[in-house]
């Protein structure tokens, strides 16, 4: 097992569940995490939600690491399904990096997940975050997949040529079965290792199942583009409000994945997403797409914006040995 509340490691690291009283210590080393990239860390804003979530005891667990009675590290795991956990928000105080704290706290998350029946843990690392990638590999994660965001403008904001489907024979249905059948045999599924944006947790990916698509059809939206067979699919996972870097509130819609046969199918799919986003009245959207030359260039060919950099998903097999495991 990993280091726990009752035992200290040989390096003097003590791991325990986070409490509200740890807030000031955590803020002290997370406030400027992305200062070199003109960004701010989200942890000070959501810390109390992490600690006080109504289902936090079963669904999520946040650990802190103490050295000399001062909190110098934090990380969280969230249970996404019976067999999957998502690890996120690992931060270590600059003066304590390189001391094994990142590995110890990650293995504690692995232990928590495995004790609850999980067999895989995943996380996401920005492609430019070389230190984060190095830690993930050292802690036992291996490369799983990479993705990028397509950023279609909602109807009302978009270029009319970009919203046109260009084919009168194309129809878009809300059938989760048609969407699932297409996804099950798609190269997008193969590249993404079956992973899509999680409906339960922002900035997390999980395995897409038929049940997830059925629930999306009931609660959000599913799109199956058809023209002599199903040629593309997508589904909406959520819409929500968030504050931008200028302090203004924006409303977003997120789509769990986009998959398609070719540029005409992609054009029809993004036209459907734009219409959906326009009907919701959101300001911005993003769609998870495979990070491949074909998918990214197809998006560009539809005159749809795409994010600048890919994101990497890493995975750890919790049935195997890792540094903190039995």
C-alpha atoms as a PDB file:
ATOM      1  CA  UNK A   1       0.000   0.000   0.000  1.00  0.00           C
ATOM      2  CA  UNK A   2       1.003   3.651  -0.313  1.00  0.00           C
ATOM      3  CA  UNK A   3       1.953   5.995   2.475  1.00  0.00           C
ATOM      4  CA  UNK A   4      -1.116   6.651   4.641  1.00  0.00           C
ATOM      5  CA  UNK A   5      -2.335   8.888   7.449  1.00  0.00           C
ATOM      6  CA  UNK A   6      -0.842   6.763  10.182  1.00  0.00           C
ATOM      7  CA  UNK A   7       2.593   6.091   8.678  1.00  0.00           C
ATOM      8  CA  UNK A   8       5.331   8.409   7.499  1.00  0.00           C
ATOM      9  CA  UNK A   9       7.696   7.464   4.696  1.00  0.00           C
ATOM     10  CA  UNK A  10      11.450   7.383   5.157  1.00  0.00           C
ATOM     11  CA  UNK A  11      11.597  10.813   3.523  1.00  0.00           C
ATOM     12  CA  UNK A  12       9.219  12.254   6.108  1.00  0.00           C
ATOM     13  CA  UNK A  13       6.210  12.462   3.797  1.00  0.00           C
ATOM     14  CA  UNK A  14       2.797  12.087   5.415  1.00  0.00           C
ATOM     15  CA  UNK A  15      -0.246  11.569   3.161  1.00  0.00           C
ATOM     16  CA  UNK A  16      -3.789  12.081   4.358  1.00  0.00           C
ATOM     17  CA  UNK A  17      -7.213  13.178   3.064  1.00  0.00           C
ATOM     18  CA  UNK A  18      -7.420  16.917   2.420  1.00  0.00           C
ATOM     19  CA  UNK A  19      -9.434  19.147   4.750  1.00  0.00           C
ATOM     20  CA  UNK A  20     -10.839  22.661   4.517  1.00  0.00           C
ATOM     21  CA  UNK A  21      -8.120  23.832   6.902  1.00  0.00           C
ATOM     22  CA  UNK A  22      -5.463  22.987   4.287  1.00  0.00           C
ATOM     23  CA  UNK A  23      -6.717  25.679   1.907  1.00  0.00           C
ATOM     24  CA  UNK A  24      -4.156  28.391   2.662  1.00  0.00           C
ATOM     25  CA  UNK A  25      -1.216  25.986   2.340  1.00  0.00           C
ATOM     26  CA  UNK A  26      -2.549  24.675  -0.979  1.00  0.00           C
ATOM     27  CA  UNK A  27      -3.144  28.167  -2.375  1.00  0.00           C
ATOM     28  CA  UNK A  28       0.398  29.181  -1.438  1.00  0.00           C
ATOM     29  CA  UNK A  29       1.919  26.739  -3.957  1.00  0.00           C
ATOM     30  CA  UNK A  30      -0.811  26.613  -6.624  1.00  0.00           C
ATOM     31  CA  UNK A  31      -1.562  30.301  -7.120  1.00  0.00           C
ATOM     32  CA  UNK A  32       1.180  30.774  -9.738  1.00  0.00           C
ATOM     33  CA  UNK A  33       1.345  27.303 -11.296  1.00  0.00           C
ATOM     34  CA  UNK A  34       0.984  28.529 -14.894  1.00  0.00           C
ATOM     35  CA  UNK A  35       2.376  32.044 -14.466  1.00  0.00           C
ATOM     36  CA  UNK A  36       5.010  31.387 -17.134  1.00  0.00           C
ATOM     37  CA  UNK A  37       2.220  30.727 -19.639  1.00  0.00           C
ATOM     38  CA  UNK A  38       0.018  33.693 -18.677  1.00  0.00           C
ATOM     39  CA  UNK A  39      -2.548  31.387 -17.089  1.00  0.00           C
ATOM     40  CA  UNK A  40      -3.958  30.763 -13.644  1.00  0.00           C
ATOM     41  CA  UNK A  41      -4.462  27.520 -11.744  1.00  0.00           C
ATOM     42  CA  UNK A  42      -8.036  26.380 -11.163  1.00  0.00           C
ATOM     43  CA  UNK A  43      -7.363  24.622  -7.838  1.00  0.00           C
ATOM     44  CA  UNK A  44      -7.728  27.677  -5.552  1.00  0.00           C
ATOM     45  CA  UNK A  45     -11.163  28.288  -7.118  1.00  0.00           C
ATOM     46  CA  UNK A  46     -12.513  24.743  -6.794  1.00  0.00           C
ATOM     47  CA  UNK A  47     -10.662  23.492  -3.718  1.00  0.00           C
ATOM     48  CA  UNK A  48     -13.653  23.555  -1.371  1.00  0.00           C
ATOM     49  CA  UNK A  49     -15.815  21.763  -3.950  1.00  0.00           C
ATOM     50  CA  UNK A  50     -13.185  19.036  -4.053  1.00  0.00           C
ATOM     51  CA  UNK A  51     -13.321  18.694  -0.278  1.00  0.00           C
ATOM     52  CA  UNK A  52     -17.016  19.232   0.355  1.00  0.00           C
ATOM     53  CA  UNK A  53     -18.668  17.546  -2.640  1.00  0.00           C
ATOM     54  CA  UNK A  54     -21.875  15.743  -1.591  1.00  0.00           C
ATOM     55  CA  UNK A  55     -20.642  12.426  -2.961  1.00  0.00           C
ATOM     56  CA  UNK A  56     -16.960  13.013  -2.323  1.00  0.00           C
ATOM     57  CA  UNK A  57     -16.537  10.054  -0.010  1.00  0.00           C
ATOM     58  CA  UNK A  58     -17.481   7.434  -2.604  1.00  0.00           C
ATOM     59  CA  UNK A  59     -16.877   9.155  -5.911  1.00  0.00           C
ATOM     60  CA  UNK A  60     -13.747  11.174  -5.286  1.00  0.00           C
ATOM     61  CA  UNK A  61     -10.796  11.373  -2.960  1.00  0.00           C
ATOM     62  CA  UNK A  62      -8.383  14.272  -2.499  1.00  0.00           C
ATOM     63  CA  UNK A  63      -5.074  13.686  -0.740  1.00  0.00           C
ATOM     64  CA  UNK A  64      -2.482  16.142   0.512  1.00  0.00           C
ATOM     65  CA  UNK A  65       1.161  15.514   1.341  1.00  0.00           C
ATOM     66  CA  UNK A  66       2.691  17.020   4.475  1.00  0.00           C
ATOM     67  CA  UNK A  67       6.328  17.633   5.252  1.00  0.00           C
ATOM     68  CA  UNK A  68       7.096  19.050   8.710  1.00  0.00           C
ATOM     69  CA  UNK A  69       3.369  19.664   9.297  1.00  0.00           C
ATOM     70  CA  UNK A  70       3.078  21.849   6.176  1.00  0.00           C
ATOM     71  CA  UNK A  71       1.035  20.791   3.142  1.00  0.00           C
ATOM     72  CA  UNK A  72       3.342  20.681   0.127  1.00  0.00           C
ATOM     73  CA  UNK A  73       1.400  18.532  -2.353  1.00  0.00           C
ATOM     74  CA  UNK A  74      -2.127  17.737  -3.508  1.00  0.00           C
ATOM     75  CA  UNK A  75      -3.856  15.436  -5.998  1.00  0.00           C
ATOM     76  CA  UNK A  76      -7.334  14.024  -6.583  1.00  0.00           C
ATOM     77  CA  UNK A  77      -8.863  10.876  -8.054  1.00  0.00           C
ATOM     78  CA  UNK A  78     -12.450  10.592  -9.308  1.00  0.00           C
ATOM     79  CA  UNK A  79     -14.305   7.352  -9.957  1.00  0.00           C
ATOM     80  CA  UNK A  80     -15.765   7.563 -13.473  1.00  0.00           C
ATOM     81  CA  UNK A  81     -17.145   4.017 -13.689  1.00  0.00           C
ATOM     82  CA  UNK A  82     -16.926   0.730 -11.853  1.00  0.00           C
ATOM     83  CA  UNK A  83     -13.466   0.094 -13.289  1.00  0.00           C
ATOM     84  CA  UNK A  84     -12.030   3.524 -14.204  1.00  0.00           C
ATOM     85  CA  UNK A  85     -10.586   6.325 -12.098  1.00  0.00           C
ATOM     86  CA  UNK A  86      -9.303   9.686 -13.242  1.00  0.00           C
ATOM     87  CA  UNK A  87      -6.293  11.315 -11.547  1.00  0.00           C
ATOM     88  CA  UNK A  88      -6.005  15.090 -11.698  1.00  0.00           C
ATOM     89  CA  UNK A  89      -4.729  18.261 -10.108  1.00  0.00           C
ATOM     90  CA  UNK A  90      -1.384  16.976  -8.883  1.00  0.00           C
ATOM     91  CA  UNK A  91       0.661  19.910  -7.623  1.00  0.00           C
ATOM     92  CA  UNK A  92       3.875  19.912  -5.605  1.00  0.00           C
ATOM     93  CA  UNK A  93       5.383  22.978  -3.902  1.00  0.00           C
ATOM     94  CA  UNK A  94       8.447  24.110  -5.886  1.00  0.00           C
ATOM     95  CA  UNK A  95      10.821  23.704  -2.931  1.00  0.00           C
ATOM     96  CA  UNK A  96       9.816  20.042  -2.545  1.00  0.00           C
ATOM     97  CA  UNK A  97       9.919  18.809  -6.122  1.00  0.00           C
ATOM     98  CA  UNK A  98      12.247  15.922  -6.784  1.00  0.00           C
ATOM     99  CA  UNK A  99      11.707  14.430  -3.307  1.00  0.00           C
ATOM    100  CA  UNK A 100       9.402  11.584  -4.346  1.00  0.00           C
ATOM    101  CA  UNK A 101       6.226  13.327  -3.176  1.00  0.00           C
ATOM    102  CA  UNK A 102       4.560  13.256  -6.598  1.00  0.00           C
ATOM    103  CA  UNK A 103       5.049   9.491  -6.890  1.00  0.00           C
ATOM    104  CA  UNK A 104       3.892   8.826  -3.320  1.00  0.00           C
ATOM    105  CA  UNK A 105       0.675  10.814  -3.664  1.00  0.00           C
ATOM    106  CA  UNK A 106      -0.064   9.271  -7.076  1.00  0.00           C
ATOM    107  CA  UNK A 107       0.347   5.748  -5.671  1.00  0.00           C
ATOM    108  CA  UNK A 108      -2.020   6.654  -2.850  1.00  0.00           C
ATOM    109  CA  UNK A 109      -4.620   7.535  -5.476  1.00  0.00           C
ATOM    110  CA  UNK A 110      -3.927   4.234  -7.235  1.00  0.00           C
ATOM    111  CA  UNK A 111      -4.415   2.361  -3.949  1.00  0.00           C
ATOM    112  CA  UNK A 112      -7.733   4.121  -3.328  1.00  0.00           C
ATOM    113  CA  UNK A 113      -8.934   3.280  -6.825  1.00  0.00           C
ATOM    114  CA  UNK A 114      -7.858  -0.341  -6.677  1.00  0.00           C
ATOM    115  CA  UNK A 115      -9.477  -0.870  -3.275  1.00  0.00           C
ATOM    116  CA  UNK A 116     -12.750   0.295  -4.860  1.00  0.00           C
ATOM    117  CA  UNK A 117     -12.484  -2.157  -7.771  1.00  0.00           C
ATOM    118  CA  UNK A 118     -10.844   0.037 -10.422  1.00  0.00           C
ATOM    119  CA  UNK A 119      -8.449  -1.654 -12.826  1.00  0.00           C
ATOM    120  CA  UNK A 120      -7.248   1.404 -14.735  1.00  0.00           C
ATOM    121  CA  UNK A 121      -6.262   4.950 -13.778  1.00  0.00           C
ATOM    122  CA  UNK A 122      -5.869   7.710 -16.342  1.00  0.00           C
ATOM    123  CA  UNK A 123      -4.798  11.311 -16.396  1.00  0.00           C
ATOM    124  CA  UNK A 124      -4.315  14.087 -18.925  1.00  0.00           C
ATOM    125  CA  UNK A 125      -1.155  16.101 -19.491  1.00  0.00           C
ATOM    126  CA  UNK A 126      -0.864  19.122 -21.761  1.00  0.00           C
ATOM    127  CA  UNK A 127       1.581  18.274 -24.542  1.00  0.00           C
ATOM    128  CA  UNK A 128       3.821  21.213 -23.592  1.00  0.00           C
ATOM    129  CA  UNK A 129       4.058  20.124 -19.932  1.00  0.00           C
ATOM    130  CA  UNK A 130       7.291  18.166 -20.122  1.00  0.00           C
ATOM    131  CA  UNK A 131       7.676  17.951 -16.334  1.00  0.00           C
ATOM    132  CA  UNK A 132       4.147  16.580 -16.004  1.00  0.00           C
ATOM    133  CA  UNK A 133       4.813  13.987 -18.679  1.00  0.00           C
ATOM    134  CA  UNK A 134       7.994  12.918 -16.928  1.00  0.00           C
ATOM    135  CA  UNK A 135       6.209  12.537 -13.601  1.00  0.00           C
ATOM    136  CA  UNK A 136       3.403  10.527 -15.171  1.00  0.00           C
ATOM    137  CA  UNK A 137       5.826   8.047 -16.692  1.00  0.00           C
ATOM    138  CA  UNK A 138       7.848   7.764 -13.457  1.00  0.00           C
ATOM    139  CA  UNK A 139       4.695   7.121 -11.416  1.00  0.00           C
ATOM    140  CA  UNK A 140       3.558   4.253 -13.632  1.00  0.00           C
ATOM    141  CA  UNK A 141       1.419   5.836 -16.353  1.00  0.00           C
ATOM    142  CA  UNK A 142       1.989   4.857 -19.985  1.00  0.00           C
ATOM    143  CA  UNK A 143       0.915   6.694 -23.159  1.00  0.00           C
ATOM    144  CA  UNK A 144      -2.699   5.951 -24.105  1.00  0.00           C
ATOM    145  CA  UNK A 145      -3.788   8.440 -26.756  1.00  0.00           C
ATOM    146  CA  UNK A 146      -3.801  12.076 -27.808  1.00  0.00           C
ATOM    147  CA  UNK A 147      -6.614  14.379 -28.860  1.00  0.00           C
ATOM    148  CA  UNK A 148      -7.298  17.929 -29.906  1.00  0.00           C
ATOM    149  CA  UNK A 149     -10.292  20.260 -29.721  1.00  0.00           C
ATOM    150  CA  UNK A 150     -12.387  21.332 -32.707  1.00  0.00           C
ATOM    151  CA  UNK A 151     -13.987  24.699 -31.927  1.00  0.00           C
ATOM    152  CA  UNK A 152     -17.086  25.222 -34.093  1.00  0.00           C
ATOM    153  CA  UNK A 153     -18.805  28.580 -33.714  1.00  0.00           C
ATOM    154  CA  UNK A 154     -22.476  28.377 -32.636  1.00  0.00           C
ATOM    155  CA  UNK A 155     -25.030  29.332 -35.280  1.00  0.00           C
ATOM    156  CA  UNK A 156     -25.401  33.091 -35.381  1.00  0.00           C
ATOM    157  CA  UNK A 157     -21.643  33.590 -35.021  1.00  0.00           C
ATOM    158  CA  UNK A 158     -20.307  31.277 -37.716  1.00  0.00           C
ATOM    159  CA  UNK A 159     -19.274  31.820 -41.319  1.00  0.00           C
ATOM    160  CA  UNK A 160     -22.329  30.845 -43.447  1.00  0.00           C
ATOM    161  CA  UNK A 161     -20.098  28.793 -45.756  1.00  0.00           C
ATOM    162  CA  UNK A 162     -18.868  26.802 -42.733  1.00  0.00           C
ATOM    163  CA  UNK A 163     -22.377  25.996 -41.498  1.00  0.00           C
ATOM    164  CA  UNK A 164     -23.681  24.744 -44.833  1.00  0.00           C
ATOM    165  CA  UNK A 165     -23.727  20.963 -45.226  1.00  0.00           C
ATOM    166  CA  UNK A 166     -23.316  21.170 -48.973  1.00  0.00           C
ATOM    167  CA  UNK A 167     -25.348  17.999 -49.603  1.00  0.00           C
ATOM    168  CA  UNK A 168     -29.145  17.849 -49.732  1.00  0.00           C
ATOM    169  CA  UNK A 169     -29.087  14.048 -49.302  1.00  0.00           C
ATOM    170  CA  UNK A 170     -27.561  14.273 -45.830  1.00  0.00           C
ATOM    171  CA  UNK A 171     -29.773  13.816 -42.795  1.00  0.00           C
ATOM    172  CA  UNK A 172     -28.894  14.006 -39.098  1.00  0.00           C
ATOM    173  CA  UNK A 173     -30.723  11.762 -36.652  1.00  0.00           C
ATOM    174  CA  UNK A 174     -30.639  11.563 -32.865  1.00  0.00           C
ATOM    175  CA  UNK A 175     -30.324   7.765 -32.830  1.00  0.00           C
ATOM    176  CA  UNK A 176     -27.883   6.564 -30.143  1.00  0.00           C
ATOM    177  CA  UNK A 177     -27.908   3.111 -31.748  1.00  0.00           C
ATOM    178  CA  UNK A 178     -26.791   4.470 -35.128  1.00  0.00           C
ATOM    179  CA  UNK A 179     -24.143   6.594 -33.408  1.00  0.00           C
ATOM    180  CA  UNK A 180     -22.896   3.606 -31.415  1.00  0.00           C
ATOM    181  CA  UNK A 181     -22.770   1.327 -34.441  1.00  0.00           C
ATOM    182  CA  UNK A 182     -20.676   3.894 -36.308  1.00  0.00           C
ATOM    183  CA  UNK A 183     -18.369   4.541 -33.355  1.00  0.00           C
ATOM    184  CA  UNK A 184     -17.814   0.825 -32.673  1.00  0.00           C
ATOM    185  CA  UNK A 185     -16.210   0.315 -36.086  1.00  0.00           C
ATOM    186  CA  UNK A 186     -14.526   3.701 -36.522  1.00  0.00           C
ATOM    187  CA  UNK A 187     -10.849   4.553 -36.787  1.00  0.00           C
ATOM    188  CA  UNK A 188     -11.539   7.320 -34.271  1.00  0.00           C
ATOM    189  CA  UNK A 189     -12.385   4.715 -31.646  1.00  0.00           C
ATOM    190  CA  UNK A 190      -9.227   2.788 -32.463  1.00  0.00           C
ATOM    191  CA  UNK A 191      -6.996   5.866 -32.224  1.00  0.00           C
ATOM    192  CA  UNK A 192      -8.637   7.151 -29.029  1.00  0.00           C
ATOM    193  CA  UNK A 193      -8.555   3.710 -27.388  1.00  0.00           C
ATOM    194  CA  UNK A 194     -12.324   3.973 -26.949  1.00  0.00           C
ATOM    195  CA  UNK A 195     -12.036   7.157 -24.857  1.00  0.00           C
ATOM    196  CA  UNK A 196     -14.259  10.223 -25.034  1.00  0.00           C
ATOM    197  CA  UNK A 197     -14.913  13.274 -22.894  1.00  0.00           C
ATOM    198  CA  UNK A 198     -16.505  12.158 -19.633  1.00  0.00           C
ATOM    199  CA  UNK A 199     -20.113  13.226 -18.987  1.00  0.00           C
ATOM    200  CA  UNK A 200     -19.383  13.104 -15.248  1.00  0.00           C
ATOM    201  CA  UNK A 201     -16.164  15.100 -14.946  1.00  0.00           C
ATOM    202  CA  UNK A 202     -14.815  18.035 -16.936  1.00  0.00           C
ATOM    203  CA  UNK A 203     -11.326  17.623 -18.396  1.00  0.00           C
ATOM    204  CA  UNK A 204     -11.559  13.834 -18.007  1.00  0.00           C
ATOM    205  CA  UNK A 205     -11.879  11.006 -20.512  1.00  0.00           C
ATOM    206  CA  UNK A 206     -13.520   7.623 -20.078  1.00  0.00           C
ATOM    207  CA  UNK A 207     -14.586   4.655 -22.178  1.00  0.00           C
ATOM    208  CA  UNK A 208     -17.656   5.284 -24.300  1.00  0.00           C
ATOM    209  CA  UNK A 209     -20.411   2.704 -23.848  1.00  0.00           C
ATOM    210  CA  UNK A 210     -23.785   2.236 -25.475  1.00  0.00           C
ATOM    211  CA  UNK A 211     -25.373   3.222 -22.143  1.00  0.00           C
ATOM    212  CA  UNK A 212     -23.499   6.535 -22.098  1.00  0.00           C
ATOM    213  CA  UNK A 213     -24.827   7.357 -25.578  1.00  0.00           C
ATOM    214  CA  UNK A 214     -28.356   6.367 -24.615  1.00  0.00           C
ATOM    215  CA  UNK A 215     -28.206   8.670 -21.601  1.00  0.00           C
ATOM    216  CA  UNK A 216     -26.809  11.468 -23.758  1.00  0.00           C
ATOM    217  CA  UNK A 217     -29.748  11.072 -26.148  1.00  0.00           C
ATOM    218  CA  UNK A 218     -32.164  11.410 -23.221  1.00  0.00           C
ATOM    219  CA  UNK A 219     -30.433  14.247 -21.381  1.00  0.00           C
ATOM    220  CA  UNK A 220     -28.336  16.166 -23.935  1.00  0.00           C
ATOM    221  CA  UNK A 221     -27.994  15.422 -27.651  1.00  0.00           C
ATOM    222  CA  UNK A 222     -26.699  12.750 -30.043  1.00  0.00           C
ATOM    223  CA  UNK A 223     -25.948  13.244 -33.742  1.00  0.00           C
ATOM    224  CA  UNK A 224     -25.695  10.526 -36.386  1.00  0.00           C
ATOM    225  CA  UNK A 225     -25.012  11.873 -39.902  1.00  0.00           C
ATOM    226  CA  UNK A 226     -26.539   9.641 -42.547  1.00  0.00           C
ATOM    227  CA  UNK A 227     -26.201   9.488 -46.308  1.00  0.00           C
ATOM    228  CA  UNK A 228     -26.594   5.939 -47.622  1.00  0.00           C
ATOM    229  CA  UNK A 229     -25.476   4.738 -44.194  1.00  0.00           C
ATOM    230  CA  UNK A 230     -24.153   6.459 -41.089  1.00  0.00           C
ATOM    231  CA  UNK A 231     -21.094   8.574 -41.925  1.00  0.00           C
ATOM    232  CA  UNK A 232     -20.396  10.502 -38.717  1.00  0.00           C
ATOM    233  CA  UNK A 233     -21.363  10.759 -35.054  1.00  0.00           C
ATOM    234  CA  UNK A 234     -21.019  13.054 -32.042  1.00  0.00           C
ATOM    235  CA  UNK A 235     -22.785  13.669 -28.744  1.00  0.00           C
ATOM    236  CA  UNK A 236     -23.100  16.562 -26.311  1.00  0.00           C
ATOM    237  CA  UNK A 237     -21.991  15.938 -22.746  1.00  0.00           C
ATOM    238  CA  UNK A 238     -22.769  19.266 -21.057  1.00  0.00           C
ATOM    239  CA  UNK A 239     -23.287  22.996 -21.253  1.00  0.00           C
ATOM    240  CA  UNK A 240     -22.130  25.279 -18.473  1.00  0.00           C
ATOM    241  CA  UNK A 241     -20.838  28.725 -17.561  1.00  0.00           C
ATOM    242  CA  UNK A 242     -17.195  29.585 -16.976  1.00  0.00           C
ATOM    243  CA  UNK A 243     -15.176  32.744 -16.501  1.00  0.00           C
ATOM    244  CA  UNK A 244     -12.722  33.713 -19.230  1.00  0.00           C
ATOM    245  CA  UNK A 245      -9.335  35.366 -18.757  1.00  0.00           C
ATOM    246  CA  UNK A 246     -10.954  38.802 -18.935  1.00  0.00           C
ATOM    247  CA  UNK A 247     -13.237  37.951 -16.014  1.00  0.00           C
ATOM    248  CA  UNK A 248     -16.306  37.714 -18.247  1.00  0.00           C
ATOM    249  CA  UNK A 249     -18.816  34.868 -17.953  1.00  0.00           C
ATOM    250  CA  UNK A 250     -19.132  32.675 -21.033  1.00  0.00           C
ATOM    251  CA  UNK A 251     -21.459  29.774 -21.668  1.00  0.00           C
ATOM    252  CA  UNK A 252     -19.904  26.679 -23.235  1.00  0.00           C
ATOM    253  CA  UNK A 253     -21.176  23.458 -24.775  1.00  0.00           C
ATOM    254  CA  UNK A 254     -18.890  20.423 -24.827  1.00  0.00           C
ATOM    255  CA  UNK A 255     -19.208  17.446 -27.159  1.00  0.00           C
ATOM    256  CA  UNK A 256     -17.725  14.121 -26.067  1.00  0.00           C
ATOM    257  CA  UNK A 257     -16.226  13.135 -29.406  1.00  0.00           C
ATOM    258  CA  UNK A 258     -16.524  13.766 -33.113  1.00  0.00           C
ATOM    259  CA  UNK A 259     -15.910  10.967 -35.653  1.00  0.00           C
ATOM    260  CA  UNK A 260     -16.541  10.957 -39.401  1.00  0.00           C
ATOM    261  CA  UNK A 261     -15.712   9.306 -42.725  1.00  0.00           C
ATOM    262  CA  UNK A 262     -14.571  12.265 -44.823  1.00  0.00           C
ATOM    263  CA  UNK A 263     -14.747  16.039 -45.222  1.00  0.00           C
ATOM    264  CA  UNK A 264     -18.403  16.158 -46.429  1.00  0.00           C
ATOM    265  CA  UNK A 265     -19.460  14.059 -43.414  1.00  0.00           C
ATOM    266  CA  UNK A 266     -17.413  16.280 -41.104  1.00  0.00           C
ATOM    267  CA  UNK A 267     -18.996  19.373 -42.612  1.00  0.00           C
ATOM    268  CA  UNK A 268     -22.498  17.991 -41.970  1.00  0.00           C
ATOM    269  CA  UNK A 269     -21.568  16.958 -38.434  1.00  0.00           C
ATOM    270  CA  UNK A 270     -20.168  20.363 -37.488  1.00  0.00           C
ATOM    271  CA  UNK A 271     -23.159  22.081 -39.065  1.00  0.00           C
ATOM    272  CA  UNK A 272     -25.403  20.024 -36.772  1.00  0.00           C
ATOM    273  CA  UNK A 273     -23.255  20.882 -33.745  1.00  0.00           C
ATOM    274  CA  UNK A 274     -23.350  24.576 -34.632  1.00  0.00           C
ATOM    275  CA  UNK A 275     -27.129  24.487 -34.885  1.00  0.00           C
ATOM    276  CA  UNK A 276     -27.373  22.678 -31.553  1.00  0.00           C
ATOM    277  CA  UNK A 277     -25.066  25.203 -29.889  1.00  0.00           C
ATOM    278  CA  UNK A 278     -27.030  28.076 -31.415  1.00  0.00           C
ATOM    279  CA  UNK A 279     -30.286  26.685 -30.048  1.00  0.00           C
ATOM    280  CA  UNK A 280     -28.682  26.415 -26.607  1.00  0.00           C
ATOM    281  CA  UNK A 281     -27.558  30.026 -26.804  1.00  0.00           C
ATOM    282  CA  UNK A 282     -23.967  29.240 -25.843  1.00  0.00           C
ATOM    283  CA  UNK A 283     -21.028  31.465 -26.664  1.00  0.00           C
ATOM    284  CA  UNK A 284     -18.433  28.802 -27.420  1.00  0.00           C
ATOM    285  CA  UNK A 285     -18.082  25.076 -28.047  1.00  0.00           C
ATOM    286  CA  UNK A 286     -15.429  22.413 -28.148  1.00  0.00           C
ATOM    287  CA  UNK A 287     -15.461  18.918 -29.596  1.00  0.00           C
ATOM    288  CA  UNK A 288     -12.900  16.224 -28.727  1.00  0.00           C
ATOM    289  CA  UNK A 289     -11.334  14.836 -31.914  1.00  0.00           C
ATOM    290  CA  UNK A 290      -8.482  12.376 -32.571  1.00  0.00           C
ATOM    291  CA  UNK A 291      -5.046  13.943 -32.919  1.00  0.00           C
ATOM    292  CA  UNK A 292      -4.234  12.654 -36.396  1.00  0.00           C
ATOM    293  CA  UNK A 293      -3.268  14.423 -39.597  1.00  0.00           C
ATOM    294  CA  UNK A 294      -6.529  13.356 -41.253  1.00  0.00           C
ATOM    295  CA  UNK A 295      -8.875  14.456 -38.504  1.00  0.00           C
ATOM    296  CA  UNK A 296      -7.178  17.788 -37.840  1.00  0.00           C
ATOM    297  CA  UNK A 297      -6.888  18.641 -41.540  1.00  0.00           C
ATOM    298  CA  UNK A 298     -10.512  17.583 -42.143  1.00  0.00           C
ATOM    299  CA  UNK A 299     -11.580  20.069 -39.471  1.00  0.00           C
ATOM    300  CA  UNK A 300      -9.534  22.769 -41.173  1.00  0.00           C
ATOM    301  CA  UNK A 301     -11.128  21.885 -44.525  1.00  0.00           C
ATOM    302  CA  UNK A 302     -14.578  22.543 -43.047  1.00  0.00           C
ATOM    303  CA  UNK A 303     -13.427  26.054 -42.042  1.00  0.00           C
ATOM    304  CA  UNK A 304     -13.759  25.151 -38.369  1.00  0.00           C
ATOM    305  CA  UNK A 305     -11.221  26.389 -35.822  1.00  0.00           C
ATOM    306  CA  UNK A 306      -9.034  23.896 -33.974  1.00  0.00           C
ATOM    307  CA  UNK A 307      -6.962  24.202 -30.799  1.00  0.00           C
ATOM    308  CA  UNK A 308      -3.265  24.988 -31.128  1.00  0.00           C
ATOM    309  CA  UNK A 309      -1.852  22.012 -29.211  1.00  0.00           C
ATOM    310  CA  UNK A 310      -2.830  18.390 -28.561  1.00  0.00           C
ATOM    311  CA  UNK A 311      -3.446  16.933 -25.110  1.00  0.00           C
ATOM    312  CA  UNK A 312      -2.052  13.564 -24.037  1.00  0.00           C
ATOM    313  CA  UNK A 313      -3.959  10.904 -22.091  1.00  0.00           C
ATOM    314  CA  UNK A 314      -1.898   8.520 -19.969  1.00  0.00           C
ATOM    315  CA  UNK A 315      -3.076   5.244 -18.397  1.00  0.00           C
ATOM    316  CA  UNK A 316      -1.881   3.015 -15.554  1.00  0.00           C
ATOM    317  CA  UNK A 317      -2.838  -0.658 -15.166  1.00  0.00           C
ATOM    318  CA  UNK A 318      -3.917  -1.038 -11.535  1.00  0.00           C
ATOM    319  CA  UNK A 319      -3.780  -4.834 -11.759  1.00  0.00           C
ATOM    320  CA  UNK A 320       0.000  -4.587 -12.236  1.00  0.00           C
ATOM    321  CA  UNK A 321       2.680  -3.743  -9.682  1.00  0.00           C
ATOM    322  CA  UNK A 322       3.436  -0.075  -9.108  1.00  0.00           C
ATOM    323  CA  UNK A 323       5.600   1.699  -6.573  1.00  0.00           C
ATOM    324  CA  UNK A 324       2.945   1.958  -3.878  1.00  0.00           C
ATOM    325  CA  UNK A 325       1.043  -1.247  -4.602  1.00  0.00           C
ATOM    326  CA  UNK A 326       1.086  -4.521  -2.700  1.00  0.00           C
END
